Amino acid sequence: MNTNNIWIAVGDETGKFNENNSDAKNFHGAAMILARQKDLQEALQEQLLGKTISERLSNRIEGLDKNNTQHHVKDVWEYLKKHNITGKYDLDNISNSPEFTPLYTLGETFKWLIQQKNLISIGIYSKKAADIMQNFTNSNDAAYILGSLYGKMLGLIAPFLGYMEKCWV
């Protein structure tokens, strides 16, 4: 079997996709990265700020509370809100001072991700649960909603995978 053409989808979600609380106003979203198996394995071994990408994505974002074991974008947003850090920041111009470390680290990770030619990143989010849970699907089941979100995101790019395969060879 030729493993060069096996694609891997890595997904993550944020929010509580709770069928009993679809009116929640907290952030809800799902994202995925698609790559050929070989390309993803190579990307995870690249170095960024003294750690492999695999280590970065498997651990909490630097600068967050030691009790916070999460490594999600949402945790950085909550940190910024808690520390009253507001405004717009250019990815190439984020301070690396201690109070900005989580934002700086997240920004560097985003810069790395968008520079990857062999990885595809796609996501969908909403500030209200109902926009995803009620208006995006016809189900109240969390597993169905997440499966539907991932399926619809994949459906947006699936027609281009064959074309991209030719471009990468």
N, C-alpha and C. Protein backbone atom coordinates (compact mmCIF):
# COMPACT_ATOMS: atom_id res chain seq x y z
N MET A 1 0.85 -1.19 0.00
CA MET A 1 0.00 0.00 0.00
C MET A 1 0.89 1.24 0.00
N ASN A 2 0.57 2.19 -0.83
CA ASN A 2 1.31 3.45 -0.91
C ASN A 2 0.80 4.39 0.18
N THR A 3 1.63 4.60 1.21
CA THR A 3 1.20 5.46 2.33
C THR A 3 1.45 6.93 2.06
N ASN A 4 2.03 7.27 0.92
CA ASN A 4 2.27 8.68 0.60
C ASN A 4 0.98 9.45 0.40
N ASN A 5 -0.10 8.77 0.08
CA ASN A 5 -1.35 9.46 -0.21
C ASN A 5 -2.39 9.31 0.90
N ILE A 6 -1.99 8.82 2.06
CA ILE A 6 -2.92 8.73 3.19
C ILE A 6 -3.00 10.10 3.84
N TRP A 7 -4.20 10.61 3.98
CA TRP A 7 -4.42 11.92 4.60
C TRP A 7 -4.90 11.74 6.03
N ILE A 8 -4.48 12.62 6.89
CA ILE A 8 -4.89 12.59 8.29
C ILE A 8 -5.60 13.90 8.59
N ALA A 9 -6.72 13.80 9.31
CA ALA A 9 -7.42 14.99 9.77
C ALA A 9 -7.31 15.04 11.29
N VAL A 10 -6.83 16.15 11.81
CA VAL A 10 -6.71 16.34 13.25
C VAL A 10 -7.67 17.46 13.62
N GLY A 11 -8.64 17.15 14.46
CA GLY A 11 -9.65 18.13 14.81
C GLY A 11 -9.65 18.48 16.28
N ASP A 12 -10.21 19.63 16.57
CA ASP A 12 -10.38 20.06 17.95
C ASP A 12 -11.59 20.98 17.99
N GLU A 13 -12.19 21.06 19.15
CA GLU A 13 -13.36 21.94 19.29
C GLU A 13 -13.30 22.66 20.62
N THR A 14 -14.07 23.73 20.69
CA THR A 14 -14.15 24.48 21.93
C THR A 14 -15.62 24.82 22.16
N GLY A 15 -16.00 24.92 23.40
CA GLY A 15 -17.39 25.18 23.74
C GLY A 15 -18.04 23.91 24.25
N LYS A 16 -19.19 24.07 24.83
CA LYS A 16 -19.93 22.92 25.36
C LYS A 16 -21.10 22.66 24.44
N PHE A 17 -20.96 21.66 23.61
CA PHE A 17 -22.01 21.30 22.67
C PHE A 17 -23.05 20.47 23.43
N ASN A 18 -23.77 21.15 24.29
CA ASN A 18 -24.72 20.52 25.20
C ASN A 18 -26.12 20.74 24.67
N GLU A 19 -26.79 19.64 24.34
CA GLU A 19 -28.12 19.76 23.76
C GLU A 19 -29.12 20.41 24.72
N ASN A 20 -28.82 20.43 26.01
CA ASN A 20 -29.73 21.05 26.97
C ASN A 20 -29.47 22.55 27.13
N ASN A 21 -28.41 23.05 26.50
CA ASN A 21 -28.09 24.46 26.69
C ASN A 21 -27.64 25.09 25.37
N SER A 22 -28.45 24.95 24.35
CA SER A 22 -28.08 25.49 23.05
C SER A 22 -28.19 27.01 22.99
N ASP A 23 -28.73 27.63 24.05
CA ASP A 23 -28.83 29.08 24.07
C ASP A 23 -27.60 29.73 24.71
N ALA A 24 -26.62 28.93 25.11
CA ALA A 24 -25.42 29.48 25.74
C ALA A 24 -24.77 30.50 24.82
N LYS A 25 -24.21 31.53 25.41
CA LYS A 25 -23.60 32.59 24.62
C LYS A 25 -22.07 32.52 24.66
N ASN A 26 -21.53 31.37 25.04
CA ASN A 26 -20.07 31.24 25.05
C ASN A 26 -19.57 30.80 23.67
N PHE A 27 -18.30 30.96 23.46
CA PHE A 27 -17.65 30.68 22.18
C PHE A 27 -17.77 29.20 21.83
N HIS A 28 -18.19 28.91 20.62
CA HIS A 28 -18.27 27.55 20.11
C HIS A 28 -17.56 27.48 18.78
N GLY A 29 -16.80 26.44 18.57
CA GLY A 29 -16.15 26.30 17.28
C GLY A 29 -15.49 24.96 17.12
N ALA A 30 -15.09 24.70 15.90
CA ALA A 30 -14.37 23.48 15.57
C ALA A 30 -13.36 23.84 14.49
N ALA A 31 -12.22 23.17 14.53
CA ALA A 31 -11.18 23.40 13.54
C ALA A 31 -10.49 22.08 13.24
N MET A 32 -9.89 22.02 12.07
CA MET A 32 -9.13 20.83 11.74
C MET A 32 -7.95 21.17 10.86
N ILE A 33 -6.96 20.32 10.96
CA ILE A 33 -5.79 20.38 10.10
C ILE A 33 -5.77 19.10 9.31
N LEU A 34 -5.59 19.22 8.00
CA LEU A 34 -5.49 18.06 7.13
C LEU A 34 -4.10 18.03 6.52
N ALA A 35 -3.55 16.84 6.41
CA ALA A 35 -2.23 16.70 5.80
C ALA A 35 -2.02 15.25 5.40
N ARG A 36 -1.11 15.07 4.46
CA ARG A 36 -0.68 13.71 4.19
C ARG A 36 0.07 13.24 5.43
N GLN A 37 0.00 11.96 5.72
CA GLN A 37 0.59 11.40 6.92
C GLN A 37 2.06 11.79 7.06
N LYS A 38 2.83 11.63 6.01
CA LYS A 38 4.26 11.94 6.04
C LYS A 38 4.49 13.42 6.34
N ASP A 39 3.71 14.29 5.72
CA ASP A 39 3.88 15.73 5.92
C ASP A 39 3.56 16.14 7.35
N LEU A 40 2.50 15.56 7.93
CA LEU A 40 2.14 15.89 9.30
C LEU A 40 3.22 15.41 10.27
N GLN A 41 3.71 14.21 10.07
CA GLN A 41 4.76 13.69 10.95
C GLN A 41 6.01 14.56 10.89
N GLU A 42 6.39 15.00 9.69
CA GLU A 42 7.55 15.88 9.56
C GLU A 42 7.30 17.24 10.22
N ALA A 43 6.11 17.79 10.01
CA ALA A 43 5.78 19.10 10.59
C ALA A 43 5.81 19.06 12.11
N LEU A 44 5.34 17.98 12.70
CA LEU A 44 5.30 17.88 14.16
C LEU A 44 6.70 17.83 14.78
N GLN A 45 7.71 17.50 13.99
CA GLN A 45 9.08 17.44 14.50
C GLN A 45 9.85 18.74 14.30
N GLU A 46 9.27 19.70 13.59
CA GLU A 46 9.93 20.99 13.40
C GLU A 46 10.06 21.71 14.74
N GLN A 47 11.06 22.57 14.83
CA GLN A 47 11.32 23.32 16.05
C GLN A 47 10.71 24.71 15.97
N LEU A 48 10.13 25.16 17.07
CA LEU A 48 9.61 26.52 17.20
C LEU A 48 9.86 26.98 18.62
N LEU A 49 10.61 28.03 18.79
CA LEU A 49 10.93 28.60 20.10
C LEU A 49 11.49 27.54 21.06
N GLY A 50 12.37 26.69 20.54
CA GLY A 50 13.07 25.72 21.38
C GLY A 50 12.33 24.44 21.69
N LYS A 51 11.17 24.23 21.10
CA LYS A 51 10.41 22.99 21.31
C LYS A 51 9.91 22.49 19.96
N THR A 52 9.65 21.18 19.90
CA THR A 52 9.05 20.67 18.67
C THR A 52 7.59 21.12 18.62
N ILE A 53 7.05 21.14 17.44
CA ILE A 53 5.64 21.49 17.28
C ILE A 53 4.78 20.51 18.06
N SER A 54 5.15 19.24 18.04
CA SER A 54 4.41 18.24 18.80
C SER A 54 4.37 18.60 20.29
N GLU A 55 5.51 19.00 20.85
CA GLU A 55 5.56 19.41 22.26
C GLU A 55 4.71 20.65 22.49
N ARG A 56 4.78 21.63 21.58
CA ARG A 56 4.00 22.86 21.72
C ARG A 56 2.51 22.57 21.73
N LEU A 57 2.06 21.70 20.83
CA LEU A 57 0.63 21.43 20.71
C LEU A 57 0.11 20.47 21.77
N SER A 58 1.02 19.83 22.48
CA SER A 58 0.61 18.86 23.50
C SER A 58 0.63 19.43 24.92
N ASN A 59 1.12 20.64 25.08
CA ASN A 59 1.26 21.23 26.41
C ASN A 59 0.56 22.59 26.46
N ARG A 60 0.37 23.07 27.68
CA ARG A 60 -0.28 24.38 27.84
C ARG A 60 0.58 25.45 27.19
N ILE A 61 -0.06 26.52 26.79
CA ILE A 61 0.65 27.64 26.19
C ILE A 61 1.45 28.34 27.27
N GLU A 62 2.70 28.64 26.97
CA GLU A 62 3.58 29.28 27.94
C GLU A 62 2.99 30.61 28.41
N GLY A 63 3.16 30.87 29.71
CA GLY A 63 2.68 32.12 30.29
C GLY A 63 1.31 32.00 30.93
N LEU A 64 0.61 30.89 30.68
CA LEU A 64 -0.68 30.68 31.32
C LEU A 64 -0.45 30.15 32.72
N ASP A 65 -1.44 30.30 33.56
CA ASP A 65 -1.41 29.81 34.94
C ASP A 65 -0.94 28.36 34.97
N LYS A 66 -0.06 28.05 35.89
CA LYS A 66 0.48 26.68 36.02
C LYS A 66 -0.62 25.65 36.23
N ASN A 67 -1.74 26.05 36.80
CA ASN A 67 -2.85 25.13 37.01
C ASN A 67 -3.62 24.87 35.73
N ASN A 68 -3.41 25.72 34.73
CA ASN A 68 -4.11 25.57 33.47
C ASN A 68 -3.34 24.60 32.59
N THR A 69 -3.89 23.43 32.38
CA THR A 69 -3.21 22.41 31.58
C THR A 69 -3.68 22.42 30.13
N GLN A 70 -4.56 23.33 29.81
CA GLN A 70 -5.08 23.38 28.45
C GLN A 70 -4.07 24.04 27.51
N HIS A 71 -4.28 23.81 26.24
CA HIS A 71 -3.40 24.40 25.24
C HIS A 71 -4.23 24.99 24.10
N HIS A 72 -5.37 25.53 24.44
CA HIS A 72 -6.30 26.03 23.44
C HIS A 72 -6.24 27.54 23.30
N VAL A 73 -6.63 28.00 22.12
CA VAL A 73 -6.72 29.43 21.84
C VAL A 73 -7.66 30.09 22.85
N LYS A 74 -8.73 29.41 23.16
CA LYS A 74 -9.72 29.96 24.11
C LYS A 74 -9.07 30.34 25.44
N ASP A 75 -8.11 29.55 25.88
CA ASP A 75 -7.44 29.84 27.15
C ASP A 75 -6.64 31.14 27.08
N VAL A 76 -6.06 31.41 25.91
CA VAL A 76 -5.33 32.67 25.74
C VAL A 76 -6.31 33.83 25.75
N TRP A 77 -7.46 33.68 25.07
CA TRP A 77 -8.47 34.76 25.07
C TRP A 77 -8.92 35.05 26.50
N GLU A 78 -9.14 34.00 27.30
CA GLU A 78 -9.56 34.20 28.69
C GLU A 78 -8.45 34.89 29.49
N TYR A 79 -7.20 34.52 29.24
CA TYR A 79 -6.06 35.16 29.91
C TYR A 79 -6.04 36.65 29.57
N LEU A 80 -6.18 36.98 28.29
CA LEU A 80 -6.16 38.39 27.86
C LEU A 80 -7.29 39.17 28.52
N LYS A 81 -8.47 38.58 28.58
CA LYS A 81 -9.62 39.24 29.20
C LYS A 81 -9.35 39.46 30.69
N LYS A 82 -8.85 38.43 31.36
CA LYS A 82 -8.57 38.52 32.80
C LYS A 82 -7.54 39.59 33.10
N HIS A 83 -6.56 39.77 32.23
CA HIS A 83 -5.49 40.74 32.45
C HIS A 83 -5.74 42.07 31.72
N ASN A 84 -6.95 42.23 31.21
CA ASN A 84 -7.37 43.47 30.55
C ASN A 84 -6.40 43.88 29.43
N ILE A 85 -5.97 42.90 28.65
CA ILE A 85 -5.11 43.16 27.49
C ILE A 85 -6.03 43.19 26.27
N THR A 86 -6.17 44.37 25.69
CA THR A 86 -7.08 44.54 24.56
C THR A 86 -6.34 45.18 23.39
N GLY A 87 -7.00 45.25 22.29
CA GLY A 87 -6.43 45.91 21.12
C GLY A 87 -6.14 44.93 20.01
N LYS A 88 -5.60 45.46 18.92
CA LYS A 88 -5.23 44.65 17.77
C LYS A 88 -3.72 44.52 17.75
N TYR A 89 -3.25 43.32 17.41
CA TYR A 89 -1.82 43.05 17.39
C TYR A 89 -1.45 42.38 16.08
N ASP A 90 -0.43 42.90 15.45
CA ASP A 90 0.11 42.32 14.23
C ASP A 90 0.92 41.08 14.63
N LEU A 91 0.76 39.97 13.93
CA LEU A 91 1.48 38.75 14.27
C LEU A 91 3.00 38.95 14.27
N ASP A 92 3.48 39.88 13.48
CA ASP A 92 4.92 40.12 13.42
C ASP A 92 5.41 41.12 14.44
N ASN A 93 4.50 41.63 15.28
CA ASN A 93 4.90 42.70 16.19
C ASN A 93 4.26 42.54 17.57
N ILE A 94 4.25 41.32 18.11
CA ILE A 94 3.71 41.08 19.45
C ILE A 94 4.87 41.07 20.44
N SER A 95 4.74 41.82 21.48
CA SER A 95 5.78 41.89 22.50
C SER A 95 5.97 40.52 23.15
N ASN A 96 7.21 40.19 23.50
CA ASN A 96 7.48 38.96 24.22
C ASN A 96 7.73 39.25 25.70
N SER A 97 7.21 40.37 26.20
CA SER A 97 7.33 40.66 27.62
C SER A 97 6.47 39.66 28.40
N PRO A 98 6.77 39.44 29.68
CA PRO A 98 6.09 38.40 30.44
C PRO A 98 4.56 38.43 30.37
N GLU A 99 3.95 39.62 30.45
CA GLU A 99 2.48 39.65 30.42
C GLU A 99 1.91 39.30 29.06
N PHE A 100 2.72 39.38 28.00
CA PHE A 100 2.28 39.06 26.64
C PHE A 100 2.73 37.67 26.19
N THR A 101 3.42 36.92 27.03
CA THR A 101 3.95 35.62 26.63
C THR A 101 2.89 34.70 26.02
N PRO A 102 1.70 34.54 26.62
CA PRO A 102 0.72 33.66 25.98
C PRO A 102 0.33 34.12 24.57
N LEU A 103 0.11 35.42 24.41
CA LEU A 103 -0.26 35.95 23.09
C LEU A 103 0.90 35.82 22.11
N TYR A 104 2.11 36.10 22.56
CA TYR A 104 3.29 35.97 21.72
C TYR A 104 3.46 34.52 21.26
N THR A 105 3.37 33.58 22.19
CA THR A 105 3.53 32.16 21.86
C THR A 105 2.45 31.70 20.89
N LEU A 106 1.21 32.10 21.15
CA LEU A 106 0.12 31.74 20.25
C LEU A 106 0.35 32.34 18.86
N GLY A 107 0.78 33.60 18.81
CA GLY A 107 1.06 34.26 17.54
C GLY A 107 2.15 33.56 16.76
N GLU A 108 3.21 33.16 17.45
CA GLU A 108 4.31 32.44 16.77
C GLU A 108 3.83 31.10 16.23
N THR A 109 2.96 30.43 16.98
CA THR A 109 2.42 29.15 16.52
C THR A 109 1.54 29.37 15.30
N PHE A 110 0.71 30.40 15.31
CA PHE A 110 -0.12 30.72 14.14
C PHE A 110 0.75 31.05 12.93
N LYS A 111 1.79 31.83 13.15
CA LYS A 111 2.69 32.17 12.03
C LYS A 111 3.30 30.90 11.44
N TRP A 112 3.73 30.00 12.32
CA TRP A 112 4.28 28.74 11.83
C TRP A 112 3.24 27.99 11.02
N LEU A 113 2.02 27.89 11.55
CA LEU A 113 0.97 27.13 10.88
C LEU A 113 0.63 27.68 9.51
N ILE A 114 0.49 28.99 9.39
CA ILE A 114 0.09 29.55 8.10
C ILE A 114 1.22 29.50 7.07
N GLN A 115 2.43 29.25 7.51
CA GLN A 115 3.55 29.14 6.58
C GLN A 115 3.74 27.72 6.06
N GLN A 116 2.98 26.77 6.59
CA GLN A 116 3.14 25.38 6.18
C GLN A 116 2.44 25.14 4.85
N LYS A 117 3.21 24.78 3.85
CA LYS A 117 2.66 24.57 2.51
C LYS A 117 1.94 23.24 2.38
N ASN A 118 2.26 22.28 3.24
CA ASN A 118 1.68 20.94 3.10
C ASN A 118 0.59 20.64 4.12
N LEU A 119 0.18 21.63 4.90
CA LEU A 119 -0.90 21.46 5.87
C LEU A 119 -2.07 22.36 5.47
N ILE A 120 -3.26 21.85 5.63
CA ILE A 120 -4.46 22.64 5.36
C ILE A 120 -5.16 22.88 6.68
N SER A 121 -5.45 24.12 7.00
CA SER A 121 -6.16 24.48 8.24
C SER A 121 -7.50 25.08 7.87
N ILE A 122 -8.54 24.66 8.57
CA ILE A 122 -9.87 25.21 8.32
C ILE A 122 -10.64 25.17 9.64
N GLY A 123 -11.50 26.14 9.86
CA GLY A 123 -12.27 26.18 11.10
C GLY A 123 -13.56 26.94 10.92
N ILE A 124 -14.44 26.77 11.90
CA ILE A 124 -15.71 27.48 11.94
C ILE A 124 -16.01 27.77 13.40
N TYR A 125 -16.55 28.95 13.67
CA TYR A 125 -16.86 29.28 15.05
C TYR A 125 -18.04 30.23 15.11
N SER A 126 -18.57 30.36 16.31
CA SER A 126 -19.67 31.29 16.55
C SER A 126 -19.58 31.76 17.99
N LYS A 127 -20.07 32.95 18.24
CA LYS A 127 -20.11 33.47 19.61
C LYS A 127 -21.34 32.98 20.36
N LYS A 128 -22.29 32.38 19.65
CA LYS A 128 -23.49 31.85 20.30
C LYS A 128 -23.66 30.39 19.93
N ALA A 129 -23.95 29.57 20.90
CA ALA A 129 -24.12 28.15 20.66
C ALA A 129 -25.21 27.87 19.63
N ALA A 130 -26.30 28.61 19.69
CA ALA A 130 -27.43 28.36 18.80
C ALA A 130 -27.04 28.48 17.34
N ASP A 131 -26.11 29.37 17.03
CA ASP A 131 -25.71 29.53 15.64
C ASP A 131 -25.13 28.25 15.06
N ILE A 132 -24.46 27.48 15.89
CA ILE A 132 -23.91 26.21 15.43
C ILE A 132 -24.86 25.05 15.74
N MET A 133 -25.42 25.05 16.93
CA MET A 133 -26.21 23.89 17.35
C MET A 133 -27.62 23.87 16.76
N GLN A 134 -28.22 25.00 16.55
CA GLN A 134 -29.59 25.01 16.04
C GLN A 134 -29.66 25.46 14.59
N ASN A 135 -28.90 26.46 14.24
CA ASN A 135 -29.03 27.03 12.91
C ASN A 135 -28.13 26.36 11.88
N PHE A 136 -27.17 25.56 12.33
CA PHE A 136 -26.22 24.95 11.41
C PHE A 136 -26.59 23.50 11.11
N THR A 137 -27.31 22.86 12.01
CA THR A 137 -27.74 21.47 11.81
C THR A 137 -29.19 21.34 12.26
N ASN A 138 -29.74 20.19 12.04
CA ASN A 138 -31.11 19.92 12.48
C ASN A 138 -31.13 18.98 13.67
N SER A 139 -30.03 18.87 14.37
CA SER A 139 -29.93 17.94 15.48
C SER A 139 -29.56 18.67 16.76
N ASN A 140 -29.89 18.06 17.89
CA ASN A 140 -29.46 18.56 19.19
C ASN A 140 -28.38 17.67 19.81
N ASP A 141 -27.97 16.63 19.09
CA ASP A 141 -26.99 15.69 19.60
C ASP A 141 -25.57 16.23 19.37
N ALA A 142 -24.79 16.35 20.44
CA ALA A 142 -23.46 16.96 20.35
C ALA A 142 -22.55 16.22 19.37
N ALA A 143 -22.56 14.88 19.40
CA ALA A 143 -21.70 14.12 18.49
C ALA A 143 -22.11 14.36 17.04
N TYR A 144 -23.40 14.43 16.80
CA TYR A 144 -23.89 14.69 15.44
C TYR A 144 -23.48 16.10 14.99
N ILE A 145 -23.61 17.06 15.88
CA ILE A 145 -23.26 18.45 15.54
C ILE A 145 -21.78 18.54 15.18
N LEU A 146 -20.91 17.96 16.02
CA LEU A 146 -19.48 18.02 15.73
C LEU A 146 -19.14 17.26 14.45
N GLY A 147 -19.73 16.09 14.27
CA GLY A 147 -19.50 15.34 13.04
C GLY A 147 -19.95 16.12 11.82
N SER A 148 -21.07 16.79 11.94
CA SER A 148 -21.59 17.61 10.85
C SER A 148 -20.65 18.77 10.55
N LEU A 149 -20.15 19.43 11.59
CA LEU A 149 -19.22 20.54 11.39
C LEU A 149 -17.95 20.08 10.67
N TYR A 150 -17.37 18.98 11.15
CA TYR A 150 -16.16 18.47 10.51
C TYR A 150 -16.45 18.03 9.08
N GLY A 151 -17.57 17.37 8.87
CA GLY A 151 -17.94 16.94 7.52
C GLY A 151 -18.14 18.11 6.57
N LYS A 152 -18.78 19.15 7.04
CA LYS A 152 -19.02 20.32 6.18
C LYS A 152 -17.72 21.06 5.89
N MET A 153 -16.82 21.14 6.88
CA MET A 153 -15.53 21.77 6.62
C MET A 153 -14.74 20.96 5.59
N LEU A 154 -14.72 19.64 5.76
CA LEU A 154 -14.02 18.79 4.81
C LEU A 154 -14.64 18.89 3.43
N GLY A 155 -15.97 18.98 3.38
CA GLY A 155 -16.67 19.10 2.11
C GLY A 155 -16.27 20.35 1.34
N LEU A 156 -15.90 21.40 2.05
CA LEU A 156 -15.49 22.64 1.39
C LEU A 156 -14.17 22.50 0.64
N ILE A 157 -13.30 21.61 1.13
CA ILE A 157 -11.99 21.50 0.50
C ILE A 157 -11.76 20.17 -0.22
N ALA A 158 -12.59 19.17 0.02
CA ALA A 158 -12.40 17.85 -0.59
C ALA A 158 -12.26 17.90 -2.11
N PRO A 159 -13.04 18.72 -2.81
CA PRO A 159 -12.88 18.75 -4.28
C PRO A 159 -11.49 19.19 -4.74
N PHE A 160 -10.76 19.86 -3.86
CA PHE A 160 -9.45 20.39 -4.24
C PHE A 160 -8.29 19.49 -3.83
N LEU A 161 -8.56 18.45 -3.04
CA LEU A 161 -7.47 17.62 -2.54
C LEU A 161 -6.69 16.96 -3.67
N GLY A 162 -7.37 16.45 -4.70
CA GLY A 162 -6.69 15.85 -5.83
C GLY A 162 -5.82 16.84 -6.56
N TYR A 163 -6.32 18.07 -6.71
CA TYR A 163 -5.55 19.12 -7.36
C TYR A 163 -4.32 19.47 -6.54
N MET A 164 -4.50 19.60 -5.23
CA MET A 164 -3.38 19.95 -4.36
C MET A 164 -2.33 18.85 -4.35
N GLU A 165 -2.80 17.60 -4.42
CA GLU A 165 -1.87 16.47 -4.46
C GLU A 165 -0.93 16.63 -5.65
N LYS A 166 -1.46 17.02 -6.80
CA LYS A 166 -0.63 17.22 -7.99
C LYS A 166 0.35 18.37 -7.78
N CYS A 167 -0.06 19.41 -7.09
CA CYS A 167 0.81 20.57 -6.86
C CYS A 167 1.96 20.23 -5.93
N TRP A 168 1.75 19.31 -4.98
CA TRP A 168 2.76 19.01 -3.98
C TRP A 168 3.79 17.99 -4.44
N VAL A 169 3.45 17.24 -5.47
CA VAL A 169 4.38 16.18 -5.91
C VAL A 169 5.60 16.77 -6.56
